[in-house]
Amino acid sequence: MTPAIFGISGLELTADERAFFTEADPAGYILFARNCADGTQLRRLTDDLRAIHGRKHLIVSIDQEGGRVARMKPPEWQRYPAGEAFARLWDIAPASAIEAARANAEAMGRELAEMGITVDYHAPFDVRRPETDDVIGDRALGSDPLQVAALGRAVLDGMGRAGVVGCLKHMPGHGRATCDTHKELPVVTASNAELEVDIEPFRTLAAHPLGMSAHIVFEAWDAEAPATLSQKVINDVIRGRIGFDGLLLSDDIDMEALDGTIPERAERALAAGCDIVLNCWAKMADQQAIAGLGGTLAEKSAARLDRVHAAMRAPQDGPETAELLAKRDALLALAEEPAA
């Protein structure tokens, strides 16, 4: 099995993609808006992906957070609020914010599961700060690590109730980044002690089976390499201080925060300790080059992947989706500004 998650170029598999995926046997796949036209088409695509190797469990993943991070869009699918909506409610009613976040995530998870999607790269556990770049911005669940952990746990719980595995991202924290990793490499100068705030939400949820790294340099830990490419950060901070022993994915290695060719980035991320690299742009030459590195999923990584697969359970019984959405909306309305 190639230790990579690959993208798909369009609404259905091309003959070349089908042949390549059959041979390369990637750990999973990631979907974007380019892959999502309507329910019938999307379910057919995910069924095709699952049929390539006929496995009962497979990572078929997506970035579906709500707000501006939504690959499955209205009117075909529901619109969901960004994390900031739940953070605002927390300010006046923390318990209600937790219930709203859980109901929202369960409704979203049901929609994903119906489409054959098993993993959602949600929720961001990044602690927002005044200087946080807008790439996180309203996606954040708050500025207090306890709040972020509590609301993030609710998201993971709601997703899990729907049979979808959520993700701890972006370890060890994206909140201090003052630029967009899609475009450039952030450098964080905070001290080791100051960074305790950033890692606390991840430490609280460290038993979760799936996480994602950040393309950020933390000078206090490794001034030379971003976390994704740093043995020091992955071993000492993510695996050590945070205590995360789940499956660690790189953030998208196509991002401009990283330098070198795509296969070079992939090789460095795996060497640093990422279990799997995420390659999103569906460029066949890049995917072939990653597979051509000859790497296979390490034994420890395979065991971690098995734990992710085990979390892909059947949806639990509960209220109708319409009831979940109505509950969410009623709770979020508590935080709305009163009419003038």
Foldseek 3Di string as FASTA:
>chain_A
DQQAAEEAAAQAHDPVRLVVCLVLVYQAYEYALRNEDALVSLLVRLVSVCVSPVDPFGAYEYADAADPRHRHDPPRDDGDHALLLLLLLCVPPVVLSLLLLLLRLLLVLLVCVSSVHAEYADDELAAADPQQAVVCPRNQNYNFNVSSLSSRVSNQNSNLLQLHGYEYDAPPHRRQFNDDQLEAEGEAADAPVVSCRSNSSLLVVQARAHYEYDQYHYVNFPNPGGLLLALRCVVCPSCNVSVHLHQYEYDALNGPRDDDDLLVSQVSSVVSPHQHYYHHNNDVVSVVSSSVVVDDGDPSNVVNSVVSRVSSDHNHDDDDSVVSVVSSVVSSVVSDDDDD
